[in-house]
Structures are given as C-alpha cells and as structure tokens.
C-alpha cells in the first residue's frame, strides 16, 4: 500500500534528522537515501511523498527505540488571503 511505503520513508527521515527540535529540514536526496536504506524502490515521482501544496502531520509515540505513527493528517497549503473566517472557525472547532 502506497501510504505505508510513504510513511516508512518519512519515518526513516524523521529518525535520521530529528534531534528534539520543533522542526527540521530535509532534501529530496534524503527520500532516495531512505528508500535505499529500507530496500524500497523510490516512487517514480518523489513529489508524491511530499506534494508541494499539501503537508502531512504525524502524531508519534516513542517507546524506547520504537516510534509509532499514532495519527496522520493531511492539510492543503493555501495563501493567507484565501482563508475565510468560516475556515478558521471550522478549524478552531475541529479539536485540532
């Protein structure tokens, strides 16, 4: 299943790059490196893993050396001027 493959790639990058900071950066080459480390064929379009207009947010649970994805949500990135008051109200009331 593609979602599982993509989640494994992102999780591998996270485990290699994250060291306690609130955010971290990675490059397209990190996607290819993770695929090689995991023995996964890279997606034909690396952009499928991280699309330019979407972001995936993961809630993770750490148990010793194990990391589990508890929740995964996807958001569409838009210009600030495209967000309405109704959009903000919906987001605020969604419990996120």
Protein backbone atom coordinates (compact mmCIF):
# COMPACT_ATOMS: atom_id res chain seq x y z
CA UNK A 1 0.00 0.00 0.00
CA UNK A 2 1.47 3.39 -1.00
CA UNK A 3 0.56 5.15 2.23
CA UNK A 4 2.52 2.60 4.26
CA UNK A 5 5.53 2.90 1.95
CA UNK A 6 5.44 6.69 2.13
CA UNK A 7 5.02 6.63 5.91
CA UNK A 8 8.07 4.33 6.21
CA UNK A 9 10.14 6.72 4.08
CA UNK A 10 9.10 9.75 6.13
CA UNK A 11 9.62 7.89 9.40
CA UNK A 12 13.15 6.90 8.32
CA UNK A 13 13.96 10.53 7.50
CA UNK A 14 12.49 11.61 10.83
CA UNK A 15 14.57 9.10 12.74
CA UNK A 16 17.77 10.24 10.99
CA UNK A 17 17.17 14.02 11.09
CA UNK A 18 15.14 14.72 14.24
CA UNK A 19 17.03 15.51 17.43
CA UNK A 20 14.45 17.22 19.65
CA UNK A 21 13.86 20.44 17.70
CA UNK A 22 10.36 21.63 16.77
CA UNK A 23 11.07 21.35 13.06
CA UNK A 24 13.73 20.02 10.74
CA UNK A 25 14.51 20.21 7.05
CA UNK A 26 15.32 17.52 4.56
CA UNK A 27 16.17 17.36 0.87
CA UNK A 28 14.83 15.27 -2.00
CA UNK A 29 18.05 13.25 -1.83
CA UNK A 30 17.03 12.17 1.69
CA UNK A 31 13.95 10.50 0.17
CA UNK A 32 16.15 8.47 -2.19
CA UNK A 33 18.58 7.63 0.63
CA UNK A 34 15.74 6.40 2.84
CA UNK A 35 14.40 4.20 0.05
CA UNK A 36 17.84 2.64 -0.37
CA UNK A 37 18.21 2.10 3.39
CA UNK A 38 14.76 0.47 3.56
CA UNK A 39 15.13 -1.61 0.39
CA UNK A 40 12.16 0.21 -1.15
CA UNK A 41 12.04 1.26 -4.80
CA UNK A 42 11.81 5.06 -4.88
CA UNK A 43 8.49 6.40 -6.17
CA UNK A 44 8.71 7.43 -9.82
CA UNK A 45 7.65 10.91 -8.72
CA UNK A 46 9.31 11.81 -5.41
CA UNK A 47 6.80 14.64 -5.15
CA UNK A 48 4.15 12.03 -4.41
CA UNK A 49 5.74 11.56 -0.98
CA UNK A 50 5.69 15.27 -0.19
CA UNK A 51 3.39 17.22 -2.51
CA UNK A 52 4.05 20.95 -2.95
CA UNK A 53 0.57 22.02 -1.94
CA UNK A 54 -0.02 19.60 0.93
CA UNK A 55 1.57 18.81 4.23
CA UNK A 56 1.29 15.67 6.31
CA UNK A 57 1.39 16.00 10.08
CA UNK A 58 2.13 12.98 12.21
CA UNK A 59 1.44 12.34 15.86
CA UNK A 60 4.14 9.98 17.04
CA UNK A 61 4.52 7.78 20.09
CA UNK A 62 8.02 6.97 21.32
CA UNK A 63 8.68 3.78 23.25
CA UNK A 64 12.39 3.34 23.77
CA UNK A 65 13.88 2.94 20.30
CA UNK A 66 10.47 2.32 18.69
CA UNK A 67 8.49 5.08 17.00
CA UNK A 68 4.83 4.51 16.17
CA UNK A 69 2.63 6.71 13.98
CA UNK A 70 -0.47 7.30 16.12
CA UNK A 71 -2.27 9.74 13.86
CA UNK A 72 -1.71 11.12 10.36
CA UNK A 73 -3.46 14.20 8.99
CA UNK A 74 -3.09 15.96 5.65
CA UNK A 75 -3.58 19.67 5.08
CA UNK A 76 -3.74 21.77 1.93
CA UNK A 77 -1.42 24.77 1.93
CA UNK A 78 -3.08 27.99 0.75
CA UNK A 79 -2.26 31.67 0.70
CA UNK A 80 -3.35 33.55 3.83
CA UNK A 81 -5.76 35.67 1.75
CA UNK A 82 -7.65 32.53 0.69
CA UNK A 83 -8.65 31.65 4.26
CA UNK A 84 -12.05 32.89 5.36
CA UNK A 85 -13.39 33.49 8.84
CA UNK A 86 -15.60 30.43 8.37
CA UNK A 87 -12.50 28.34 7.56
CA UNK A 88 -10.83 29.50 10.77
CA UNK A 89 -13.96 28.80 12.83
CA UNK A 90 -14.21 25.30 11.37
CA UNK A 91 -10.56 24.63 12.19
CA UNK A 92 -10.88 26.01 15.74
CA UNK A 93 -13.95 23.85 16.40
CA UNK A 94 -12.41 20.69 14.92
CA UNK A 95 -10.36 19.96 18.02
CA UNK A 96 -7.02 20.01 16.17
